[in-house]
PDB file of N, CA and C in Angstrom:
ATOM      1  N   MET A   1       0.907  -1.054  -0.269  1.00  0.00           N
ATOM      2  CA  MET A   1       0.291  -0.564   0.244  1.00  0.00           C
ATOM      3  C   MET A   1       0.504   1.270   0.194  1.00  0.00           C
ATOM      4  N   VAL A   2       2.106   0.988   0.691  1.00  0.00           N
ATOM      5  CA  VAL A   2       2.797   2.350   1.038  1.00  0.00           C
ATOM      6  C   VAL A   2       3.899   2.341  -0.240  1.00  0.00           C
ATOM      7  N   ARG A   3       3.564   1.645  -1.167  1.00  0.00           N
ATOM      8  CA  ARG A   3       4.435   1.319  -2.624  1.00  0.00           C
ATOM      9  C   ARG A   3       3.624   1.973  -3.298  1.00  0.00           C
ATOM     10  N   ASN A   4       2.643   2.227  -3.706  1.00  0.00           N
ATOM     11  CA  ASN A   4       1.200   3.017  -4.451  1.00  0.00           C
ATOM     12  C   ASN A   4       1.315   3.948  -4.018  1.00  0.00           C
ATOM     13  N   ILE A   5       1.334   4.629  -3.133  1.00  0.00           N
ATOM     14  CA  ILE A   5       1.464   5.670  -2.357  1.00  0.00           C
ATOM     15  C   ILE A   5       3.029   6.936  -2.676  1.00  0.00           C
ATOM     16  N   SER A   6       3.935   5.264  -2.528  1.00  0.00           N
ATOM     17  CA  SER A   6       5.026   6.858  -3.232  1.00  0.00           C
ATOM     18  C   SER A   6       5.281   7.141  -4.260  1.00  0.00           C
ATOM     19  N   THR A   7       4.697   6.138  -5.352  1.00  0.00           N
ATOM     20  CA  THR A   7       4.179   6.042  -7.071  1.00  0.00           C
ATOM     21  C   THR A   7       3.571   7.823  -7.042  1.00  0.00           C
ATOM     22  N   GLN A   8       3.297   7.704  -6.662  1.00  0.00           N
ATOM     23  CA  GLN A   8       2.373   8.713  -7.255  1.00  0.00           C
ATOM     24  C   GLN A   8       2.538  10.035  -6.886  1.00  0.00           C
ATOM     25  N   PRO A   9       1.910  10.801  -7.788  1.00  0.00           N
ATOM     26  CA  PRO A   9       2.256  12.165  -8.463  1.00  0.00           C
ATOM     27  C   PRO A   9       2.600  13.760  -8.155  1.00  0.00           C
ATOM     28  N   PHE A  10       2.617  13.356  -6.646  1.00  0.00           N
ATOM     29  CA  PHE A  10       1.586  14.442  -5.818  1.00  0.00           C
ATOM     30  C   PHE A  10       2.523  14.314  -4.755  1.00  0.00           C
ATOM     31  N   PRO A  11       3.684  15.440  -4.945  1.00  0.00           N
ATOM     32  CA  PRO A  11       4.710  15.603  -3.982  1.00  0.00           C
ATOM     33  C   PRO A  11       4.271  15.311  -2.364  1.00  0.00           C
ATOM     34  N   GLU A  12       4.219  15.538  -1.592  1.00  0.00           N
ATOM     35  CA  GLU A  12       3.125  15.114  -0.251  1.00  0.00           C
ATOM     36  C   GLU A  12       3.038  13.932   0.133  1.00  0.00           C
ATOM     37  N   LEU A  13       2.000  13.254  -1.243  1.00  0.00           N
ATOM     38  CA  LEU A  13       1.479  11.665  -0.517  1.00  0.00           C
ATOM     39  C   LEU A  13       3.973  11.234  -0.689  1.00  0.00           C
ATOM     40  N   HIS A  14       4.027  11.601  -2.279  1.00  0.00           N
ATOM     41  CA  HIS A  14       5.404  10.258  -2.611  1.00  0.00           C
ATOM     42  C   HIS A  14       6.562  10.972  -1.008  1.00  0.00           C
ATOM     43  N   CYS A  15       6.406  12.066  -1.101  1.00  0.00           N
ATOM     44  CA  CYS A  15       7.573  12.059   0.030  1.00  0.00           C
ATOM     45  C   CYS A  15       6.851  11.478   1.107  1.00  0.00           C
ATOM     46  N   GLY A  16       5.803  11.325   1.603  1.00  0.00           N
ATOM     47  CA  GLY A  16       5.641  10.700   2.687  1.00  0.00           C
ATOM     48  C   GLY A  16       5.618   9.613   3.270  1.00  0.00           C
ATOM     49  N   ALA A  17       5.359   8.843   1.571  1.00  0.00           N
ATOM     50  CA  ALA A  17       5.897   7.937   1.506  1.00  0.00           C
ATOM     51  C   ALA A  17       7.394   7.009   1.340  1.00  0.00           C
ATOM     52  N   LEU A  18       8.487   8.524   1.089  1.00  0.00           N
ATOM     53  CA  LEU A  18       9.727   8.104   1.274  1.00  0.00           C
ATOM     54  C   LEU A  18      10.597   7.705   2.679  1.00  0.00           C
ATOM     55  N   GLY A  19       9.477   9.084   3.177  1.00  0.00           N
ATOM     56  CA  GLY A  19       9.849   9.099   5.214  1.00  0.00           C
ATOM     57  C   GLY A  19       9.531   7.984   6.167  1.00  0.00           C
ATOM     58  N   ILE A  20       8.000   6.593   5.227  1.00  0.00           N
ATOM     59  CA  ILE A  20       7.494   5.295   6.294  1.00  0.00           C
ATOM     60  C   ILE A  20       9.476   5.002   5.584  1.00  0.00           C
ATOM     61  N   PHE A  21       9.215   4.561   3.763  1.00  0.00           N
ATOM     62  CA  PHE A  21      10.826   4.088   4.100  1.00  0.00           C
ATOM     63  C   PHE A  21      12.156   3.920   4.370  1.00  0.00           C
ATOM     64  N   THR A  22      12.655   5.459   5.372  1.00  0.00           N
ATOM     65  CA  THR A  22      13.265   5.912   5.661  1.00  0.00           C
ATOM     66  C   THR A  22      13.233   5.144   6.855  1.00  0.00           C
ATOM     67  N   ALA A  23      12.086   5.375   7.510  1.00  0.00           N
ATOM     68  CA  ALA A  23      12.083   5.660   9.236  1.00  0.00           C
ATOM     69  C   ALA A  23      11.745   2.955   9.074  1.00  0.00           C
ATOM     70  N   ILE A  24      12.185   2.611   8.318  1.00  0.00           N
ATOM     71  CA  ILE A  24      12.633   0.905   8.411  1.00  0.00           C
ATOM     72  C   ILE A  24      13.165   0.695   7.261  1.00  0.00           C
ATOM     73  N   ALA A  25      13.961   1.747   7.021  1.00  0.00           N
ATOM     74  CA  ALA A  25      15.192   0.457   6.325  1.00  0.00           C
ATOM     75  C   ALA A  25      16.445   0.422   7.499  1.00  0.00           C
ATOM     76  N   CYS A  26      16.385   1.543   8.623  1.00  0.00           N
ATOM     77  CA  CYS A  26      17.234   0.610   8.935  1.00  0.00           C
ATOM     78  C   CYS A  26      17.620  -0.647   9.160  1.00  0.00           C
ATOM     79  N   GLN A  27      16.262  -1.271   9.210  1.00  0.00           N
ATOM     80  CA  GLN A  27      15.760  -2.417   9.869  1.00  0.00           C
ATOM     81  C   GLN A  27      16.015  -3.693   9.224  1.00  0.00           C
ATOM     82  N   PRO A  28      16.086  -4.445   9.764  1.00  0.00           N
ATOM     83  CA  PRO A  28      16.753  -5.746   9.024  1.00  0.00           C
ATOM     84  C   PRO A  28      16.080  -6.061   8.403  1.00  0.00           C
ATOM     85  N   TRP A  29      14.236  -5.981   8.875  1.00  0.00           N
ATOM     86  CA  TRP A  29      12.343  -6.585   8.419  1.00  0.00           C
ATOM     87  C   TRP A  29      12.535  -5.756   7.638  1.00  0.00           C
ATOM     88  N   GLY A  30      12.458  -3.838   8.272  1.00  0.00           N
ATOM     89  CA  GLY A  30      12.650  -3.476   6.838  1.00  0.00           C
ATOM     90  C   GLY A  30      12.976  -3.400   4.969  1.00  0.00           C
ATOM     91  N   GLN A  31      14.872  -3.309   5.713  1.00  0.00           N
ATOM     92  CA  GLN A  31      15.515  -4.190   3.900  1.00  0.00           C
ATOM     93  C   GLN A  31      14.755  -5.545   3.732  1.00  0.00           C
ATOM     94  N   LYS A  32      14.912  -6.672   3.886  1.00  0.00           N
ATOM     95  CA  LYS A  32      13.735  -7.597   3.654  1.00  0.00           C
ATOM     96  C   LYS A  32      12.136  -6.651   3.106  1.00  0.00           C
ATOM     97  N   LEU A  33      11.792  -6.662   3.635  1.00  0.00           N
ATOM     98  CA  LEU A  33       9.991  -6.236   2.330  1.00  0.00           C
ATOM     99  C   LEU A  33      10.490  -5.342   1.987  1.00  0.00           C
ATOM    100  N   MET A  34      11.546  -4.398   2.169  1.00  0.00           N
ATOM    101  CA  MET A  34      12.102  -3.480   0.216  1.00  0.00           C
ATOM    102  C   MET A  34      11.926  -4.572  -0.537  1.00  0.00           C
ATOM    103  N   ILE A  35      13.099  -5.748  -0.106  1.00  0.00           N
ATOM    104  CA  ILE A  35      14.452  -6.191  -1.310  1.00  0.00           C
ATOM    105  C   ILE A  35      12.747  -7.436  -1.668  1.00  0.00           C
ATOM    106  N   SER A  36      11.912  -8.021  -0.983  1.00  0.00           N
ATOM    107  CA  SER A  36      10.852  -8.301  -1.778  1.00  0.00           C
ATOM    108  C   SER A  36       9.435  -7.924  -2.556  1.00  0.00           C
ATOM    109  N   ASN A  37       9.916  -7.164  -2.504  1.00  0.00           N
ATOM    110  CA  ASN A  37       8.857  -6.048  -3.312  1.00  0.00           C
ATOM    111  C   ASN A  37       9.800  -6.011  -4.838  1.00  0.00           C
ATOM    112  N   PRO A  38       8.294  -6.232  -6.030  1.00  0.00           N
ATOM    113  CA  PRO A  38       9.269  -6.527  -7.148  1.00  0.00           C
ATOM    114  C   PRO A  38       9.523  -5.044  -7.955  1.00  0.00           C
ATOM    115  N   GLY A  39      10.677  -4.774  -7.890  1.00  0.00           N
ATOM    116  CA  GLY A  39      10.845  -3.136  -8.815  1.00  0.00           C
ATOM    117  C   GLY A  39      11.038  -2.043  -8.088  1.00  0.00           C
ATOM    118  N   PHE A  40      11.288  -2.640  -6.618  1.00  0.00           N
ATOM    119  CA  PHE A  40      10.704  -1.566  -5.906  1.00  0.00           C
ATOM    120  C   PHE A  40      12.702  -0.193  -5.533  1.00  0.00           C
ATOM    121  N   MET A  41      13.932  -1.804  -5.690  1.00  0.00           N
ATOM    122  CA  MET A  41      15.029  -0.872  -5.009  1.00  0.00           C
ATOM    123  C   MET A  41      15.705  -0.055  -7.239  1.00  0.00           C
ATOM    124  N   GLU A  42      14.507  -0.882  -8.302  1.00  0.00           N
ATOM    125  CA  GLU A  42      14.616  -0.294  -9.020  1.00  0.00           C
ATOM    126  C   GLU A  42      14.398   1.240  -9.058  1.00  0.00           C
ATOM    127  N   PHE A  43      13.120   1.460  -7.871  1.00  0.00           N
ATOM    128  CA  PHE A  43      12.087   2.655  -7.808  1.00  0.00           C
ATOM    129  C   PHE A  43      13.630   3.621  -7.801  1.00  0.00           C
ATOM    130  N   ILE A  44      14.491   2.901  -6.727  1.00  0.00           N
ATOM    131  CA  ILE A  44      14.555   3.862  -5.418  1.00  0.00           C
ATOM    132  C   ILE A  44      15.323   4.177  -6.340  1.00  0.00           C
ATOM    133  N   LEU A  45      16.026   3.289  -7.670  1.00  0.00           N
ATOM    134  CA  LEU A  45      17.786   3.621  -7.704  1.00  0.00           C
ATOM    135  C   LEU A  45      17.635   4.319  -8.882  1.00  0.00           C
ATOM    136  N   ASP A  46      16.096   4.963  -9.497  1.00  0.00           N
ATOM    137  CA  ASP A  46      15.385   5.703 -11.190  1.00  0.00           C
ATOM    138  C   ASP A  46      15.218   7.826 -10.997  1.00  0.00           C
ATOM    139  N   ARG A  47      16.592   7.506 -10.837  1.00  0.00           N
ATOM    140  CA  ARG A  47      16.116   9.410 -11.499  1.00  0.00           C
ATOM    141  C   ARG A  47      15.550  10.008 -11.629  1.00  0.00           C
ATOM    142  N   THR A  48      14.015   9.443 -12.246  1.00  0.00           N
ATOM    143  CA  THR A  48      13.822  10.528 -13.173  1.00  0.00           C
ATOM    144  C   THR A  48      12.633  10.520 -12.471  1.00  0.00           C
ATOM    145  N   MET A  49      12.269   9.283 -11.583  1.00  0.00           N
ATOM    146  CA  MET A  49      10.669   9.258 -10.750  1.00  0.00           C
ATOM    147  C   MET A  49      11.084  10.937  -9.741  1.00  0.00           C
ATOM    148  N   GLY A  50       9.914  12.112  -9.911  1.00  0.00           N
ATOM    149  CA  GLY A  50      10.051  12.320  -8.505  1.00  0.00           C
ATOM    150  C   GLY A  50      11.329  13.868  -9.679  1.00  0.00           C
ATOM    151  N   GLN A  51      10.446  14.590  -9.682  1.00  0.00           N
ATOM    152  CA  GLN A  51      11.077  15.914 -10.424  1.00  0.00           C
ATOM    153  C   GLN A  51      11.844  16.688  -9.424  1.00  0.00           C
ATOM    154  N   THR A  52      10.737  16.780  -8.134  1.00  0.00           N
ATOM    155  CA  THR A  52      11.508  17.959  -7.522  1.00  0.00           C
ATOM    156  C   THR A  52      12.535  17.964  -6.414  1.00  0.00           C
ATOM    157  N   LYS A  53      12.423  19.221  -5.800  1.00  0.00           N
ATOM    158  CA  LYS A  53      14.075  19.833  -4.557  1.00  0.00           C
ATOM    159  C   LYS A  53      13.401  18.537  -3.628  1.00  0.00           C
ATOM    160  N   GLU A  54      12.038  18.783  -2.802  1.00  0.00           N
ATOM    161  CA  GLU A  54      12.258  17.821  -1.853  1.00  0.00           C
ATOM    162  C   GLU A  54      11.857  16.000  -2.400  1.00  0.00           C
ATOM    163  N   ALA A  55      11.501  15.747  -3.716  1.00  0.00           N
ATOM    164  CA  ALA A  55      11.257  14.177  -3.777  1.00  0.00           C
ATOM    165  C   ALA A  55      12.562  13.634  -3.694  1.00  0.00           C
ATOM    166  N   LYS A  56      14.098  14.702  -3.987  1.00  0.00           N
ATOM    167  CA  LYS A  56      15.493  13.596  -4.763  1.00  0.00           C
ATOM    168  C   LYS A  56      15.386  13.488  -3.075  1.00  0.00           C
ATOM    169  N   ASP A  57      14.977  15.138  -2.384  1.00  0.00           N
ATOM    170  CA  ASP A  57      15.812  14.709  -1.242  1.00  0.00           C
ATOM    171  C   ASP A  57      15.606  13.802   0.269  1.00  0.00           C
ATOM    172  N   ALA A  58      14.324  13.400  -0.207  1.00  0.00           N
ATOM    173  CA  ALA A  58      13.889  12.217   0.550  1.00  0.00           C
ATOM    174  C   ALA A  58      14.361  11.336  -0.003  1.00  0.00           C
ATOM    175  N   LYS A  59      14.943  11.314  -0.777  1.00  0.00           N
ATOM    176  CA  LYS A  59      14.944   9.553  -1.911  1.00  0.00           C
ATOM    177  C   LYS A  59      16.271   9.406  -1.990  1.00  0.00           C
ATOM    178  N   PHE A  60      16.706  10.778  -1.177  1.00  0.00           N
ATOM    179  CA  PHE A  60      18.323  10.269  -1.179  1.00  0.00           C
ATOM    180  C   PHE A  60      18.645  10.752   0.933  1.00  0.00           C
ATOM    181  N   GLU A  61      18.149  11.197   0.706  1.00  0.00           N
ATOM    182  CA  GLU A  61      17.915  10.441   2.874  1.00  0.00           C
ATOM    183  C   GLU A  61      17.733   9.112   3.430  1.00  0.00           C
ATOM    184  N   LEU A  62      16.135   8.515   1.820  1.00  0.00           N
ATOM    185  CA  LEU A  62      16.481   6.645   2.383  1.00  0.00           C
ATOM    186  C   LEU A  62      17.362   5.792   1.601  1.00  0.00           C
ATOM    187  N   VAL A  63      17.992   6.417   0.698  1.00  0.00           N
ATOM    188  CA  VAL A  63      19.766   6.157   0.480  1.00  0.00           C
ATOM    189  C   VAL A  63      20.644   5.817   1.095  1.00  0.00           C
ATOM    190  N   GLY A  64      20.639   7.176   1.917  1.00  0.00           N
ATOM    191  CA  GLY A  64      21.206   7.426   2.731  1.00  0.00           C
ATOM    192  C   GLY A  64      21.459   6.521   4.150  1.00  0.00           C
ATOM    193  N   SER A  65      19.599   5.671   4.292  1.00  0.00           N
ATOM    194  CA  SER A  65      19.598   5.704   5.960  1.00  0.00           C
ATOM    195  C   SER A  65      19.920   3.953   5.355  1.00  0.00           C
ATOM    196  N   LEU A  66      20.231   3.531   4.121  1.00  0.00           N
ATOM    197  CA  LEU A  66      20.277   1.886   4.072  1.00  0.00           C
ATOM    198  C   LEU A  66      21.044   1.890   3.385  1.00  0.00           C
ATOM    199  N   VAL A  67      22.994   2.909   2.819  1.00  0.00           N
ATOM    200  CA  VAL A  67      24.070   2.603   3.682  1.00  0.00           C
ATOM    201  C   VAL A  67      23.874   2.388   4.211  1.00  0.00           C
ATOM    202  N   SER A  68      23.830   3.564   5.483  1.00  0.00           N
ATOM    203  CA  SER A  68      24.611   3.511   6.291  1.00  0.00           C
ATOM    204  C   SER A  68      23.871   2.542   7.407  1.00  0.00           C
ATOM    205  N   SER A  69      23.538   1.235   7.000  1.00  0.00           N
ATOM    206  CA  SER A  69      22.678   0.039   7.864  1.00  0.00           C
ATOM    207  C   SER A  69      24.001  -0.863   7.399  1.00  0.00           C
ATOM    208  N   SER A  70      23.760  -1.384   8.693  1.00  0.00           N
ATOM    209  CA  SER A  70      24.503  -2.595   8.345  1.00  0.00           C
ATOM    210  C   SER A  70      24.254  -3.515   8.353  1.00  0.00           C
ATOM    211  N   THR A  71      23.696  -4.265   7.533  1.00  0.00           N
ATOM    212  CA  THR A  71      22.763  -5.650   7.157  1.00  0.00           C
ATOM    213  C   THR A  71      22.598  -5.767   6.139  1.00  0.00           C
ATOM    214  N   ALA A  72      22.940  -4.496   5.403  1.00  0.00           N
ATOM    215  CA  ALA A  72      21.710  -3.720   4.403  1.00  0.00           C
ATOM    216  C   ALA A  72      22.877  -4.477   2.656  1.00  0.00           C
ATOM    217  N   ALA A  73      24.024  -4.852   3.562  1.00  0.00           N
ATOM    218  CA  ALA A  73      24.875  -5.173   1.688  1.00  0.00           C
ATOM    219  C   ALA A  73      24.862  -6.695   2.004  1.00  0.00           C
ATOM    220  N   ALA A  74      24.363  -7.428   3.322  1.00  0.00           N
ATOM    221  CA  ALA A  74      24.439  -8.474   2.709  1.00  0.00           C
ATOM    222  C   ALA A  74      22.130  -8.922   2.999  1.00  0.00           C
ATOM    223  N   ILE A  75      21.254  -8.107   2.885  1.00  0.00           N
ATOM    224  CA  ILE A  75      19.936  -8.044   3.195  1.00  0.00           C
ATOM    225  C   ILE A  75      19.928  -8.275   1.017  1.00  0.00           C
ATOM    226  N   LEU A  76      20.674  -7.034   0.497  1.00  0.00           N
ATOM    227  CA  LEU A  76      19.405  -6.738  -0.298  1.00  0.00           C
ATOM    228  C   LEU A  76      20.642  -6.336  -1.677  1.00  0.00           C
ATOM    229  N   GLY A  77      22.411  -7.398  -1.102  1.00  0.00           N
ATOM    230  CA  GLY A  77      22.707  -7.595  -1.825  1.00  0.00           C
ATOM    231  C   GLY A  77      24.048  -6.962  -2.868  1.00  0.00           C
ATOM    232  N   SER A  78      24.765  -7.449  -3.126  1.00  0.00           N
ATOM    233  CA  SER A  78      26.469  -6.826  -3.448  1.00  0.00           C
ATOM    234  C   SER A  78      25.983  -6.374  -4.471  1.00  0.00           C
ATOM    235  N   GLN A  79      25.208  -5.976  -6.107  1.00  0.00           N
ATOM    236  CA  GLN A  79      24.728  -5.604  -6.568  1.00  0.00           C
ATOM    237  C   GLN A  79      24.449  -3.745  -6.647  1.00  0.00           C
ATOM    238  N   TYR A  80      22.673  -3.818  -5.729  1.00  0.00           N
ATOM    239  CA  TYR A  80      22.315  -3.340  -5.553  1.00  0.00           C
ATOM    240  C   TYR A  80      22.761  -2.114  -4.462  1.00  0.00           C
ATOM    241  N   TYR A  81      23.929  -3.671  -3.517  1.00  0.00           N
ATOM    242  CA  TYR A  81      24.217  -2.345  -3.066  1.00  0.00           C
ATOM    243  C   TYR A  81      25.746  -1.043  -2.191  1.00  0.00           C
ATOM    244  N   LEU A  82      26.705  -1.854  -3.943  1.00  0.00           N
ATOM    245  CA  LEU A  82      27.167  -1.062  -4.335  1.00  0.00           C
ATOM    246  C   LEU A  82      26.169   0.246  -5.903  1.00  0.00           C
ATOM    247  N   ARG A  83      24.743  -0.129  -6.106  1.00  0.00           N
ATOM    248  CA  ARG A  83      24.657   1.407  -6.647  1.00  0.00           C
ATOM    249  C   ARG A  83      24.339   2.487  -6.103  1.00  0.00           C
ATOM    250  N   LEU A  84      23.591   1.522  -4.362  1.00  0.00           N
ATOM    251  CA  LEU A  84      23.264   2.888  -3.960  1.00  0.00           C
ATOM    252  C   LEU A  84      24.154   3.296  -3.467  1.00  0.00           C
ATOM    253  N   LYS A  85      25.370   2.581  -2.819  1.00  0.00           N
ATOM    254  CA  LYS A  85      26.857   3.144  -2.377  1.00  0.00           C
ATOM    255  C   LYS A  85      26.678   4.198  -4.248  1.00  0.00           C
ATOM    256  N   THR A  86      26.947   4.028  -5.449  1.00  0.00           N
ATOM    257  CA  THR A  86      27.209   5.241  -6.325  1.00  0.00           C
ATOM    258  C   THR A  86      26.342   6.435  -6.127  1.00  0.00           C
ATOM    259  N   TYR A  87      25.179   5.294  -5.700  1.00  0.00           N
ATOM    260  CA  TYR A  87      23.977   6.924  -5.590  1.00  0.00           C
ATOM    261  C   TYR A  87      24.277   8.019  -4.943  1.00  0.00           C
ATOM    262  N   LEU A  88      24.756   7.672  -4.081  1.00  0.00           N
ATOM    263  CA  LEU A  88      24.957   8.206  -2.882  1.00  0.00           C
ATOM    264  C   LEU A  88      25.996   8.852  -2.810  1.00  0.00           C
ATOM    265  N   ARG A  89      27.396   8.402  -3.247  1.00  0.00           N
ATOM    266  CA  ARG A  89      27.941   8.869  -3.763  1.00  0.00           C
ATOM    267  C   ARG A  89      27.897  10.924  -4.861  1.00  0.00           C
ATOM    268  N   GLU A  90      26.678  10.784  -5.571  1.00  0.00           N
ATOM    269  CA  GLU A  90      26.544  11.468  -6.486  1.00  0.00           C
ATOM    270  C   GLU A  90      26.032  12.367  -6.309  1.00  0.00           C
ATOM    271  N   GLY A  91      25.462  12.230  -5.075  1.00  0.00           N
ATOM    272  CA  GLY A  91      24.527  12.807  -4.649  1.00  0.00           C
ATOM    273  C   GLY A  91      22.602  12.985  -5.450  1.00  0.00           C
ATOM    274  N   PRO A  92      22.134  13.905  -4.777  1.00  0.00           N
ATOM    275  CA  PRO A  92      20.707  13.929  -4.665  1.00  0.00           C
ATOM    276  C   PRO A  92      20.139  14.178  -6.024  1.00  0.00           C
ATOM    277  N   TYR A  93      21.089  15.430  -6.480  1.00  0.00           N
ATOM    278  CA  TYR A  93      20.210  15.852  -7.533  1.00  0.00           C
ATOM    279  C   TYR A  93      21.771  15.737  -8.812  1.00  0.00           C
ATOM    280  N   TYR A  94      21.926  14.569  -8.833  1.00  0.00           N
ATOM    281  CA  TYR A  94      23.049  14.599 -10.202  1.00  0.00           C
ATOM    282  C   TYR A  94      21.655  13.646 -11.537  1.00  0.00           C
ATOM    283  N   VAL A  95      23.049  14.511 -13.005  1.00  0.00           N
ATOM    284  CA  VAL A  95      21.670  14.190 -13.808  1.00  0.00           C
ATOM    285  C   VAL A  95      22.760  13.327 -14.693  1.00  0.00           C
ATOM    286  N   SER A  96      23.279  12.911 -15.381  1.00  0.00           N
ATOM    287  CA  SER A  96      24.493  12.117 -16.212  1.00  0.00           C
ATOM    288  C   SER A  96      24.667  12.924 -17.564  1.00  0.00           C
ATOM    289  N   ALA A  97      26.254  12.992 -17.887  1.00  0.00           N
ATOM    290  CA  ALA A  97      24.989  14.342 -18.809  1.00  0.00           C
ATOM    291  C   ALA A  97      25.072  13.239 -20.254  1.00  0.00           C
ATOM    292  N   VAL A  98      24.956  14.190 -21.556  1.00  0.00           N
ATOM    293  CA  VAL A  98      24.484  13.016 -22.813  1.00  0.00           C
ATOM    294  C   VAL A  98      25.043  14.542 -23.685  1.00  0.00           C
ATOM    295  N   ALA A  99      25.278  13.672 -24.554  1.00  0.00           N
ATOM    296  CA  ALA A  99      27.224  14.230 -26.163  1.00  0.00           C
ATOM    297  C   ALA A  99      26.511  14.214 -26.412  1.00  0.00           C
ATOM    298  N   LEU A 100      25.945  15.447 -27.896  1.00  0.00           N
ATOM    299  CA  LEU A 100      25.489  15.340 -29.174  1.00  0.00           C
ATOM    300  C   LEU A 100      26.069  15.705 -29.236  1.00  0.00           C
ATOM    301  N   VAL A 101      26.344  15.371 -30.300  1.00  0.00           N
ATOM    302  CA  VAL A 101      27.607  16.165 -31.531  1.00  0.00           C
ATOM    303  C   VAL A 101      26.726  16.370 -33.465  1.00  0.00           C
ATOM    304  N   SER A 102      27.355  17.879 -33.506  1.00  0.00           N
ATOM    305  CA  SER A 102      26.404  17.601 -34.556  1.00  0.00           C
ATOM    306  C   SER A 102      27.032  18.429 -35.731  1.00  0.00           C
ATOM    307  N   THR A 103      27.776  18.001 -36.527  1.00  0.00           N
ATOM    308  CA  THR A 103      28.606  18.600 -38.036  1.00  0.00           C
ATOM    309  C   THR A 103      27.920  18.863 -39.148  1.00  0.00           C
ATOM    310  N   GLU A 104      28.633  20.299 -39.245  1.00  0.00           N
ATOM    311  CA  GLU A 104      28.696  21.044 -40.359  1.00  0.00           C
ATOM    312  C   GLU A 104      27.651  20.922 -41.801  1.00  0.00           C
ATOM    313  N   GLY A 105      27.163  20.787 -42.331  1.00  0.00           N
ATOM    314  CA  GLY A 105      26.172  20.318 -43.334  1.00  0.00           C
ATOM    315  C   GLY A 105      25.777  18.823 -43.353  1.00  0.00           C
ATOM    316  N   ALA A 106      25.191  18.441 -41.941  1.00  0.00           N
ATOM    317  CA  ALA A 106      24.470  17.683 -42.134  1.00  0.00           C
ATOM    318  C   ALA A 106      22.700  17.757 -41.815  1.00  0.00           C
ATOM    319  N   ASP A 107      22.347  16.945 -42.368  1.00  0.00           N
ATOM    320  CA  ASP A 107      20.711  17.216 -42.305  1.00  0.00           C
ATOM    321  C   ASP A 107      20.303  16.539 -40.857  1.00  0.00           C
TER     322      ASP A 107
END
């Protein structure tokens, strides 16, 4: 139910749901609950969801809470744990650069 609320486009609902996840992220049972939900980790690592500053900050806080937990690496698996650490290192407002090259005379 909270997962469904977290995908809503309304910042108050989205950030509130992320706050609930942040509160349980440091608990092993909360991490197991998150990883057992299909697509949850992809949702957390997707930077295109939640374009407001509040949403980005809430998601970054959730990632920070997961990474700081001593049980996260074992429960979430090394693949997700490393991706979460990368997310944390890049910061909440990271945008990957896209290089476009145009040549003179090209249509």
